[in-house]
C-alpha atoms as a PDB file:
ATOM      1  CA  MET A   1       0.000   0.000   0.000  1.00  0.00           C
ATOM      2  CA  LEU A   2       1.400   3.358  -1.036  1.00  0.00           C
ATOM      3  CA  VAL A   3       0.070   6.793  -0.159  1.00  0.00           C
ATOM      4  CA  SER A   4       0.015   9.774  -2.536  1.00  0.00           C
ATOM      5  CA  GLU A   5      -1.259  13.301  -1.989  1.00  0.00           C
ATOM      6  CA  THR A   6      -3.216  15.253  -4.610  1.00  0.00           C
ATOM      7  CA  GLU A   7      -4.490  18.772  -3.850  1.00  0.00           C
ATOM      8  CA  GLY A   8      -4.329  18.146  -0.124  1.00  0.00           C
ATOM      9  CA  ILE A   9      -6.340  14.931  -0.261  1.00  0.00           C
ATOM     10  CA  THR A  10      -4.606  11.764   0.843  1.00  0.00           C
ATOM     11  CA  LEU A  11      -5.308   8.866  -1.501  1.00  0.00           C
ATOM     12  CA  GLN A  12      -4.447   5.256  -0.852  1.00  0.00           C
ATOM     13  CA  ALA A  13      -3.991   2.781  -3.674  1.00  0.00           C
ATOM     14  CA  THR A  14      -2.880  -0.811  -3.639  1.00  0.00           C
ATOM     15  CA  VAL A  15       0.191  -1.358  -5.791  1.00  0.00           C
ATOM     16  CA  PRO A  16       0.564  -4.866  -7.249  1.00  0.00           C
ATOM     17  CA  ALA A  17       3.335  -6.910  -5.698  1.00  0.00           C
ATOM     18  CA  GLY A  18       6.627  -6.956  -7.574  1.00  0.00           C
ATOM     19  CA  LEU A  19       6.619  -3.432  -9.021  1.00  0.00           C
ATOM     20  CA  ASP A  20       9.707  -1.369  -8.284  1.00  0.00           C
ATOM     21  CA  ARG A  21       9.522   2.165  -6.892  1.00  0.00           C
ATOM     22  CA  LYS A  22       9.415   3.955 -10.263  1.00  0.00           C
ATOM     23  CA  GLU A  23       6.841   1.531 -11.636  1.00  0.00           C
ATOM     24  CA  ALA A  24       4.710   1.954  -8.523  1.00  0.00           C
ATOM     25  CA  GLU A  25       4.785   5.754  -8.834  1.00  0.00           C
ATOM     26  CA  ILE A  26       3.410   5.588 -12.372  1.00  0.00           C
ATOM     27  CA  TYR A  27       0.899   2.875 -11.471  1.00  0.00           C
ATOM     28  CA  LEU A  28      -0.584   5.175  -8.825  1.00  0.00           C
ATOM     29  CA  ARG A  29      -1.521   7.600 -11.618  1.00  0.00           C
ATOM     30  CA  LEU A  30      -3.457   4.932 -13.497  1.00  0.00           C
ATOM     31  CA  ASP A  31      -7.099   3.990 -13.301  1.00  0.00           C
ATOM     32  CA  PRO A  32      -7.021   0.199 -12.792  1.00  0.00           C
ATOM     33  CA  ALA A  33     -10.555  -0.027 -14.202  1.00  0.00           C
ATOM     34  CA  ARG A  34      -9.378   1.372 -17.552  1.00  0.00           C
ATOM     35  CA  LEU A  35      -6.315  -0.746 -18.253  1.00  0.00           C
ATOM     36  CA  PRO A  36      -6.035  -2.019 -21.826  1.00  0.00           C
ATOM     37  CA  ARG A  37      -7.412  -5.516 -22.291  1.00  0.00           C
ATOM     38  CA  HIS A  38      -4.816  -6.239 -24.952  1.00  0.00           C
ATOM     39  CA  ILE A  39      -1.462  -4.554 -25.593  1.00  0.00           C
ATOM     40  CA  ALA A  40       0.546  -5.246 -28.745  1.00  0.00           C
ATOM     41  CA  ILE A  41       4.202  -4.237 -28.989  1.00  0.00           C
ATOM     42  CA  ILE A  42       6.389  -3.791 -32.060  1.00  0.00           C
ATOM     43  CA  MET A  43       9.812  -4.471 -30.574  1.00  0.00           C
ATOM     44  CA  ASP A  44      12.290  -2.405 -32.586  1.00  0.00           C
ATOM     45  CA  GLY A  45      15.793  -1.038 -32.129  1.00  0.00           C
ATOM     46  CA  ASN A  46      17.959  -4.049 -31.271  1.00  0.00           C
ATOM     47  CA  GLY A  47      20.367  -3.343 -34.121  1.00  0.00           C
ATOM     48  CA  ARG A  48      20.654   0.366 -33.345  1.00  0.00           C
ATOM     49  CA  TRP A  49      21.238  -0.390 -29.652  1.00  0.00           C
ATOM     50  CA  ALA A  50      24.131  -2.685 -30.587  1.00  0.00           C
ATOM     51  CA  ARG A  51      25.543  -0.271 -33.174  1.00  0.00           C
ATOM     52  CA  LYS A  52      25.642   2.589 -30.641  1.00  0.00           C
ATOM     53  CA  ARG A  53      27.820   0.356 -28.463  1.00  0.00           C
ATOM     54  CA  HIS A  54      30.004  -0.907 -31.330  1.00  0.00           C
ATOM     55  CA  LEU A  55      28.662  -4.417 -30.800  1.00  0.00           C
ATOM     56  CA  PRO A  56      27.421  -6.990 -33.323  1.00  0.00           C
ATOM     57  CA  ARG A  57      23.671  -6.991 -34.047  1.00  0.00           C
ATOM     58  CA  VAL A  58      23.236 -10.300 -32.233  1.00  0.00           C
ATOM     59  CA  ALA A  59      24.216  -8.555 -28.981  1.00  0.00           C
ATOM     60  CA  GLY A  60      21.166  -6.347 -29.403  1.00  0.00           C
ATOM     61  CA  HIS A  61      18.934  -9.390 -29.849  1.00  0.00           C
ATOM     62  CA  ARG A  62      20.340 -10.944 -26.672  1.00  0.00           C
ATOM     63  CA  ALA A  63      19.691  -7.731 -24.756  1.00  0.00           C
ATOM     64  CA  GLY A  64      16.172  -7.612 -26.176  1.00  0.00           C
ATOM     65  CA  VAL A  65      15.328 -10.926 -24.501  1.00  0.00           C
ATOM     66  CA  THR A  66      15.911  -9.286 -21.112  1.00  0.00           C
ATOM     67  CA  SER A  67      13.416  -6.573 -22.046  1.00  0.00           C
ATOM     68  CA  VAL A  68      10.833  -9.216 -22.913  1.00  0.00           C
ATOM     69  CA  ARG A  69      11.182 -10.668 -19.430  1.00  0.00           C
ATOM     70  CA  TYR A  70      10.739  -7.295 -17.697  1.00  0.00           C
ATOM     71  CA  VAL A  71       7.734  -6.329 -19.816  1.00  0.00           C
ATOM     72  CA  VAL A  72       5.976  -9.688 -19.474  1.00  0.00           C
ATOM     73  CA  GLU A  73       6.394  -9.632 -15.712  1.00  0.00           C
ATOM     74  CA  CYS A  74       5.190  -6.045 -15.369  1.00  0.00           C
ATOM     75  CA  ALA A  75       2.166  -6.588 -17.621  1.00  0.00           C
ATOM     76  CA  SER A  76       1.132  -9.742 -15.791  1.00  0.00           C
ATOM     77  CA  ARG A  77       1.581  -8.139 -12.364  1.00  0.00           C
ATOM     78  CA  ILE A  78      -0.756  -5.243 -13.117  1.00  0.00           C
ATOM     79  CA  GLY A  79      -3.404  -7.509 -14.618  1.00  0.00           C
ATOM     80  CA  ILE A  80      -3.175  -6.978 -18.384  1.00  0.00           C
ATOM     81  CA  PRO A  81      -5.220  -9.878 -19.854  1.00  0.00           C
ATOM     82  CA  SER A  82      -3.361 -10.168 -23.189  1.00  0.00           C
ATOM     83  CA  LEU A  83       0.073  -9.132 -24.448  1.00  0.00           C
ATOM     84  CA  THR A  84       1.256  -9.739 -28.017  1.00  0.00           C
ATOM     85  CA  LEU A  85       4.894  -9.249 -29.014  1.00  0.00           C
ATOM     86  CA  TYR A  86       6.048  -8.917 -32.634  1.00  0.00           C
ATOM     87  CA  ALA A  87       9.082 -11.168 -32.363  1.00  0.00           C
ATOM     88  CA  PHE A  88       9.908 -12.250 -35.924  1.00  0.00           C
ATOM     89  CA  SER A  89       8.301 -11.098 -39.160  1.00  0.00           C
ATOM     90  CA  GLU A  90       7.849 -13.081 -42.348  1.00  0.00           C
ATOM     91  CA  GLU A  91       9.962 -10.430 -44.066  1.00  0.00           C
ATOM     92  CA  ASN A  92      12.861 -11.164 -41.711  1.00  0.00           C
ATOM     93  CA  TRP A  93      13.449 -14.403 -43.611  1.00  0.00           C
ATOM     94  CA  LYS A  94      14.099 -12.443 -46.815  1.00  0.00           C
ATOM     95  CA  ARG A  95      15.852  -9.305 -45.600  1.00  0.00           C
ATOM     96  CA  ARG A  96      18.205 -10.485 -42.859  1.00  0.00           C
ATOM     97  CA  PRO A  97      21.501 -12.338 -43.338  1.00  0.00           C
ATOM     98  CA  ARG A  98      21.164 -16.096 -43.000  1.00  0.00           C
ATOM     99  CA  THR A  99      23.576 -16.097 -40.058  1.00  0.00           C
ATOM    100  CA  GLU A 100      21.385 -13.597 -38.179  1.00  0.00           C
ATOM    101  CA  VAL A 101      18.206 -15.578 -38.879  1.00  0.00           C
ATOM    102  CA  ASP A 102      19.877 -18.768 -37.642  1.00  0.00           C
ATOM    103  CA  PHE A 103      20.972 -16.959 -34.489  1.00  0.00           C
ATOM    104  CA  LEU A 104      17.437 -15.662 -33.881  1.00  0.00           C
ATOM    105  CA  MET A 105      15.983 -19.165 -34.192  1.00  0.00           C
ATOM    106  CA  LYS A 106      18.474 -20.519 -31.665  1.00  0.00           C
ATOM    107  CA  LEU A 107      17.840 -17.541 -29.384  1.00  0.00           C
ATOM    108  CA  LEU A 108      14.092 -18.179 -29.542  1.00  0.00           C
ATOM    109  CA  SER A 109      14.570 -21.838 -28.664  1.00  0.00           C
ATOM    110  CA  ARG A 110      16.818 -20.884 -25.736  1.00  0.00           C
ATOM    111  CA  TYR A 111      14.329 -18.248 -24.542  1.00  0.00           C
ATOM    112  CA  LEU A 112      11.468 -20.744 -24.501  1.00  0.00           C
ATOM    113  CA  ARG A 113      13.532 -23.269 -22.555  1.00  0.00           C
ATOM    114  CA  GLN A 114      14.766 -20.763 -19.973  1.00  0.00           C
ATOM    115  CA  GLU A 115      11.649 -18.621 -19.482  1.00  0.00           C
ATOM    116  CA  VAL A 116       9.005 -21.263 -18.771  1.00  0.00           C
ATOM    117  CA  PRO A 117       9.695 -21.135 -14.983  1.00  0.00           C
ATOM    118  CA  THR A 118       9.235 -17.334 -15.059  1.00  0.00           C
ATOM    119  CA  LEU A 119       6.009 -17.727 -17.034  1.00  0.00           C
ATOM    120  CA  HIS A 120       4.777 -20.225 -14.455  1.00  0.00           C
ATOM    121  CA  LYS A 121       5.687 -17.900 -11.592  1.00  0.00           C
ATOM    122  CA  ASN A 122       3.597 -15.157 -13.185  1.00  0.00           C
ATOM    123  CA  ASN A 123       0.753 -17.500 -14.219  1.00  0.00           C
ATOM    124  CA  VAL A 124       1.281 -16.627 -17.909  1.00  0.00           C
ATOM    125  CA  ARG A 125      -0.070 -18.783 -20.732  1.00  0.00           C
ATOM    126  CA  LEU A 126       1.998 -18.833 -23.928  1.00  0.00           C
ATOM    127  CA  GLN A 127       0.576 -18.879 -27.467  1.00  0.00           C
ATOM    128  CA  TYR A 128       1.792 -18.057 -30.980  1.00  0.00           C
ATOM    129  CA  ILE A 129       0.553 -16.543 -34.229  1.00  0.00           C
ATOM    130  CA  GLY A 130       2.093 -16.623 -37.692  1.00  0.00           C
ATOM    131  CA  ARG A 131       2.969 -19.191 -40.330  1.00  0.00           C
ATOM    132  CA  LEU A 132       4.493 -21.415 -37.693  1.00  0.00           C
ATOM    133  CA  HIS A 133       4.793 -24.476 -39.931  1.00  0.00           C
ATOM    134  CA  GLU A 134       7.569 -22.719 -41.876  1.00  0.00           C
ATOM    135  CA  LEU A 135       9.827 -22.404 -38.829  1.00  0.00           C
ATOM    136  CA  PRO A 136      12.650 -24.921 -38.282  1.00  0.00           C
ATOM    137  CA  ASP A 137      11.536 -28.233 -36.771  1.00  0.00           C
ATOM    138  CA  PHE A 138      13.657 -27.836 -33.630  1.00  0.00           C
ATOM    139  CA  VAL A 139      12.021 -24.452 -32.970  1.00  0.00           C
ATOM    140  CA  GLN A 140       8.515 -25.816 -33.536  1.00  0.00           C
ATOM    141  CA  GLU A 141       9.198 -28.635 -31.080  1.00  0.00           C
ATOM    142  CA  LYS A 142      10.385 -26.219 -28.392  1.00  0.00           C
ATOM    143  CA  MET A 143       7.429 -23.925 -29.058  1.00  0.00           C
ATOM    144  CA  GLU A 144       4.932 -26.737 -28.610  1.00  0.00           C
ATOM    145  CA  TRP A 145       6.684 -27.898 -25.449  1.00  0.00           C
ATOM    146  CA  ALA A 146       6.510 -24.400 -23.923  1.00  0.00           C
ATOM    147  CA  ARG A 147       2.874 -23.978 -24.985  1.00  0.00           C
ATOM    148  CA  GLN A 148       1.858 -27.232 -23.358  1.00  0.00           C
ATOM    149  CA  GLU A 149       3.893 -26.492 -20.228  1.00  0.00           C
ATOM    150  CA  THR A 150       2.012 -23.217 -19.681  1.00  0.00           C
ATOM    151  CA  SER A 151      -1.397 -24.307 -20.994  1.00  0.00           C
ATOM    152  CA  ARG A 152      -2.916 -24.678 -17.509  1.00  0.00           C
ATOM    153  CA  ASN A 153      -1.913 -21.188 -16.370  1.00  0.00           C
ATOM    154  CA  THR A 154      -4.915 -18.911 -15.963  1.00  0.00           C
ATOM    155  CA  GLY A 155      -3.390 -15.412 -16.020  1.00  0.00           C
ATOM    156  CA  MET A 156      -2.174 -13.237 -18.861  1.00  0.00           C
ATOM    157  CA  VAL A 157      -2.044 -14.666 -22.388  1.00  0.00           C
ATOM    158  CA  LEU A 158       1.362 -13.943 -23.939  1.00  0.00           C
ATOM    159  CA  THR A 159       1.275 -14.283 -27.724  1.00  0.00           C
ATOM    160  CA  LEU A 160       4.491 -14.321 -29.732  1.00  0.00           C
ATOM    161  CA  ALA A 161       4.103 -13.302 -33.384  1.00  0.00           C
ATOM    162  CA  LEU A 162       6.618 -15.494 -35.218  1.00  0.00           C
ATOM    163  CA  ASN A 163       7.118 -15.659 -38.983  1.00  0.00           C
ATOM    164  CA  TYR A 164       4.182 -13.263 -38.946  1.00  0.00           C
ATOM    165  CA  SER A 165       2.791 -10.981 -41.663  1.00  0.00           C
ATOM    166  CA  ALA A 166      -0.573  -9.225 -41.402  1.00  0.00           C
ATOM    167  CA  ARG A 167      -1.147  -9.470 -45.137  1.00  0.00           C
ATOM    168  CA  SER A 168      -0.404 -13.198 -45.059  1.00  0.00           C
ATOM    169  CA  GLU A 169      -2.748 -13.562 -42.099  1.00  0.00           C
ATOM    170  CA  ILE A 170      -5.596 -11.932 -44.040  1.00  0.00           C
ATOM    171  CA  ALA A 171      -4.844 -14.068 -47.103  1.00  0.00           C
ATOM    172  CA  ASP A 172      -4.828 -17.190 -44.912  1.00  0.00           C
ATOM    173  CA  ALA A 173      -8.137 -16.107 -43.361  1.00  0.00           C
ATOM    174  CA  PHE A 174      -9.795 -15.952 -46.798  1.00  0.00           C
ATOM    175  CA  GLN A 175      -8.323 -19.332 -47.719  1.00  0.00           C
ATOM    176  CA  SER A 176      -9.758 -20.702 -44.477  1.00  0.00           C
ATOM    177  CA  MET A 177     -13.191 -19.222 -45.223  1.00  0.00           C
ATOM    178  CA  LEU A 178     -13.207 -20.727 -48.708  1.00  0.00           C
ATOM    179  CA  LYS A 179     -12.196 -24.138 -47.393  1.00  0.00           C
ATOM    180  CA  ALA A 180     -14.913 -24.003 -44.741  1.00  0.00           C
ATOM    181  CA  ALA A 181     -17.499 -23.034 -47.378  1.00  0.00           C
ATOM    182  CA  VAL A 182     -16.472 -25.882 -49.707  1.00  0.00           C
ATOM    183  CA  ASN A 183     -16.878 -28.322 -46.806  1.00  0.00           C
ATOM    184  CA  ASN A 184     -20.259 -26.833 -45.943  1.00  0.00           C
ATOM    185  CA  GLY A 185     -22.218 -27.031 -49.172  1.00  0.00           C
ATOM    186  CA  GLY A 186     -20.157 -24.939 -51.590  1.00  0.00           C
ATOM    187  CA  ILE A 187     -18.911 -21.382 -51.967  1.00  0.00           C
ATOM    188  CA  GLN A 188     -22.347 -20.155 -53.030  1.00  0.00           C
ATOM    189  CA  HIS A 189     -23.221 -20.298 -49.322  1.00  0.00           C
ATOM    190  CA  LEU A 190     -20.200 -18.202 -48.318  1.00  0.00           C
ATOM    191  CA  MET A 191     -21.141 -15.030 -46.468  1.00  0.00           C
ATOM    192  CA  ILE A 192     -18.265 -12.625 -45.829  1.00  0.00           C
ATOM    193  CA  ASP A 193     -18.549  -9.920 -43.194  1.00  0.00           C
ATOM    194  CA  GLU A 194     -16.257  -8.445 -40.539  1.00  0.00           C
ATOM    195  CA  GLU A 195     -17.250 -10.982 -37.907  1.00  0.00           C
ATOM    196  CA  THR A 196     -16.577 -13.918 -40.232  1.00  0.00           C
ATOM    197  CA  ILE A 197     -13.156 -12.573 -41.207  1.00  0.00           C
ATOM    198  CA  SER A 198     -12.226 -12.001 -37.553  1.00  0.00           C
ATOM    199  CA  LYS A 199     -13.166 -15.597 -36.705  1.00  0.00           C
ATOM    200  CA  HIS A 200     -10.690 -16.887 -39.291  1.00  0.00           C
ATOM    201  CA  LEU A 201      -7.722 -14.723 -38.259  1.00  0.00           C
ATOM    202  CA  TYR A 202      -4.829 -16.131 -36.223  1.00  0.00           C
ATOM    203  CA  THR A 203      -6.042 -13.957 -33.315  1.00  0.00           C
ATOM    204  CA  SER A 204      -9.630 -15.241 -33.209  1.00  0.00           C
ATOM    205  CA  HIS A 205      -9.065 -16.230 -29.559  1.00  0.00           C
ATOM    206  CA  LEU A 206      -8.034 -12.689 -28.554  1.00  0.00           C
ATOM    207  CA  PRO A 207      -9.757  -9.305 -28.260  1.00  0.00           C
ATOM    208  CA  ASP A 208      -8.457  -6.666 -30.666  1.00  0.00           C
ATOM    209  CA  PRO A 209      -5.590  -4.640 -29.151  1.00  0.00           C
ATOM    210  CA  ASP A 210      -6.551  -1.439 -27.342  1.00  0.00           C
ATOM    211  CA  LEU A 211      -2.985  -0.143 -27.373  1.00  0.00           C
ATOM    212  CA  VAL A 212      -0.072  -0.726 -29.732  1.00  0.00           C
ATOM    213  CA  ILE A 213       3.388   0.379 -28.622  1.00  0.00           C
ATOM    214  CA  ARG A 214       6.254   0.912 -31.045  1.00  0.00           C
ATOM    215  CA  THR A 215       9.775   1.338 -29.724  1.00  0.00           C
ATOM    216  CA  SER A 216      12.746   3.169 -31.307  1.00  0.00           C
ATOM    217  CA  GLY A 217      10.687   6.110 -32.584  1.00  0.00           C
ATOM    218  CA  GLU A 218       9.651   4.629 -35.933  1.00  0.00           C
ATOM    219  CA  MET A 219       6.221   5.767 -37.163  1.00  0.00           C
ATOM    220  CA  ARG A 220       4.912   2.695 -38.947  1.00  0.00           C
ATOM    221  CA  LEU A 221       3.035  -0.541 -38.252  1.00  0.00           C
ATOM    222  CA  SER A 222       5.399  -2.785 -40.253  1.00  0.00           C
ATOM    223  CA  ASN A 223       2.701  -5.204 -41.448  1.00  0.00           C
ATOM    224  CA  PHE A 224       1.624  -6.035 -37.887  1.00  0.00           C
ATOM    225  CA  LEU A 225      -2.010  -6.857 -36.978  1.00  0.00           C
ATOM    226  CA  LEU A 226      -3.354  -4.506 -39.654  1.00  0.00           C
ATOM    227  CA  TRP A 227      -6.943  -5.752 -39.310  1.00  0.00           C
ATOM    228  CA  GLN A 228      -6.941  -5.901 -35.523  1.00  0.00           C
ATOM    229  CA  LEU A 229      -5.383  -2.455 -34.951  1.00  0.00           C
ATOM    230  CA  ALA A 230      -8.214  -0.592 -36.715  1.00  0.00           C
ATOM    231  CA  TYR A 231      -9.216   1.271 -33.530  1.00  0.00           C
ATOM    232  CA  ALA A 232      -6.116   0.797 -31.371  1.00  0.00           C
ATOM    233  CA  GLU A 233      -4.390   3.757 -29.749  1.00  0.00           C
ATOM    234  CA  ILE A 234      -0.816   4.118 -31.009  1.00  0.00           C
ATOM    235  CA  TYR A 235       2.009   5.037 -28.646  1.00  0.00           C
ATOM    236  CA  VAL A 236       5.507   5.583 -30.068  1.00  0.00           C
ATOM    237  CA  THR A 237       8.515   5.898 -27.782  1.00  0.00           C
ATOM    238  CA  PRO A 238      12.090   6.740 -28.827  1.00  0.00           C
ATOM    239  CA  THR A 239      13.338   4.132 -26.349  1.00  0.00           C
ATOM    240  CA  LEU A 240      15.160   1.298 -28.096  1.00  0.00           C
ATOM    241  CA  TRP A 241      13.780  -2.134 -27.309  1.00  0.00           C
ATOM    242  CA  PRO A 242      16.795  -3.404 -25.310  1.00  0.00           C
ATOM    243  CA  GLU A 243      16.340  -0.396 -22.983  1.00  0.00           C
ATOM    244  CA  PHE A 244      12.552  -0.835 -22.647  1.00  0.00           C
ATOM    245  CA  ARG A 245      11.396  -1.810 -19.152  1.00  0.00           C
ATOM    246  CA  GLY A 246       8.227  -2.041 -17.109  1.00  0.00           C
ATOM    247  CA  VAL A 247       8.332   1.680 -16.367  1.00  0.00           C
ATOM    248  CA  HIS A 248       8.170   2.416 -20.112  1.00  0.00           C
ATOM    249  CA  LEU A 249       5.197   0.089 -20.474  1.00  0.00           C
ATOM    250  CA  LEU A 250       3.413   1.913 -17.676  1.00  0.00           C
ATOM    251  CA  GLU A 251       4.204   5.269 -19.298  1.00  0.00           C
ATOM    252  CA  GLY A 252       2.546   4.023 -22.461  1.00  0.00           C
ATOM    253  CA  ILE A 253      -0.524   2.933 -20.500  1.00  0.00           C
ATOM    254  CA  ALA A 254      -0.649   6.317 -18.742  1.00  0.00           C
ATOM    255  CA  GLU A 255      -0.651   8.051 -22.136  1.00  0.00           C
ATOM    256  CA  TYR A 256      -3.332   5.645 -23.365  1.00  0.00           C
ATOM    257  CA  GLN A 257      -5.565   6.634 -20.464  1.00  0.00           C
ATOM    258  CA  THR A 258      -5.389  10.299 -21.497  1.00  0.00           C
ATOM    259  CA  ARG A 259      -6.907   9.450 -24.891  1.00  0.00           C
ATOM    260  CA  GLU A 260     -10.633   9.583 -25.630  1.00  0.00           C
ATOM    261  CA  ARG A 261     -11.603   6.573 -27.698  1.00  0.00           C
ATOM    262  CA  ARG A 262     -14.554   7.517 -29.908  1.00  0.00           C
ATOM    263  CA  TYR A 263     -14.552   4.739 -32.550  1.00  0.00           C
ATOM    264  CA  GLY A 264     -15.569   7.238 -35.229  1.00  0.00           C
ATOM    265  CA  GLY A 265     -18.183   8.973 -33.082  1.00  0.00           C
ATOM    266  CA  LEU A 266     -18.197  12.262 -31.178  1.00  0.00           C
ATOM    267  CA  ASN A 267     -17.216  13.032 -27.617  1.00  0.00           C
ATOM    268  CA  GLU A 268     -19.839  14.255 -25.164  1.00  0.00           C
ATOM    269  CA  ALA A 269     -19.039  17.954 -25.670  1.00  0.00           C
ATOM    270  CA  GLN A 270     -19.222  17.644 -29.453  1.00  0.00           C
ATOM    271  CA  SER A 271     -22.498  15.721 -29.229  1.00  0.00           C
ATOM    272  CA  ALA A 272     -23.998  18.418 -26.984  1.00  0.00           C
ATOM    273  CA  ARG A 273     -22.946  21.171 -29.383  1.00  0.00           C
ATOM    274  CA  GLY A 274     -24.461  19.233 -32.259  1.00  0.00           C
ATOM    275  CA  LEU A 275     -27.789  18.923 -30.465  1.00  0.00           C
ATOM    276  CA  ARG A 276     -27.876  22.684 -29.786  1.00  0.00           C
ATOM    277  CA  SER A 277     -27.009  23.680 -33.375  1.00  0.00           C
END
């Protein structure tokens, strides 16, 4: 229990166990009833972090794994239901050196093996999205092992986007709809609407993200969850991913809570003015 004073009024708020002092200070500014149900993060800046330190790019990827641990723990401690991390894009296969891709696959396998105890401690359930069947067999085996190991956890759902492309996801969704229609009387019975498309996406088990965070200051979505982010609030931080910690996550949530989400409508003041005019 921490105490804060605002305009002479003493307020008491319960801070979740495990937050450090800086994290707790930001958490006290949040409204726990308005936390995002689903946060998606585009983890960017590993290469720049390494370059600034005259280190090889792989050093940045190693450092980025530590950031994943901090962010997952912070998100689970404050009660975020779903967290999705953009870990490896489909384009990475084509645009990164083979040696770097091989390193990333081994790093992913090592992460899954080492982090399962931490996921258990935080009651986190692990899932994946992407064209997973194209990943190396040894990675797929480790992924399935980690998924099964955490399948009985009942807390936050951590989704890793691996070999992921939003455009491929949408294409796969339409292929899935066509296949379902063929098996259900023929494509003449196929009805396509937003709800049907959403049911055939990789993320059909998740709510759409409320907040998407992009690190390293880049102002683009990079082919990530293009359908699902239609109404998400976007928060861009100049912080490079290897330097990103729980306090940065909480800063993003604090900014999110200052936004007014209208979903194409008007706010109350605008609606009142419209009625009077």
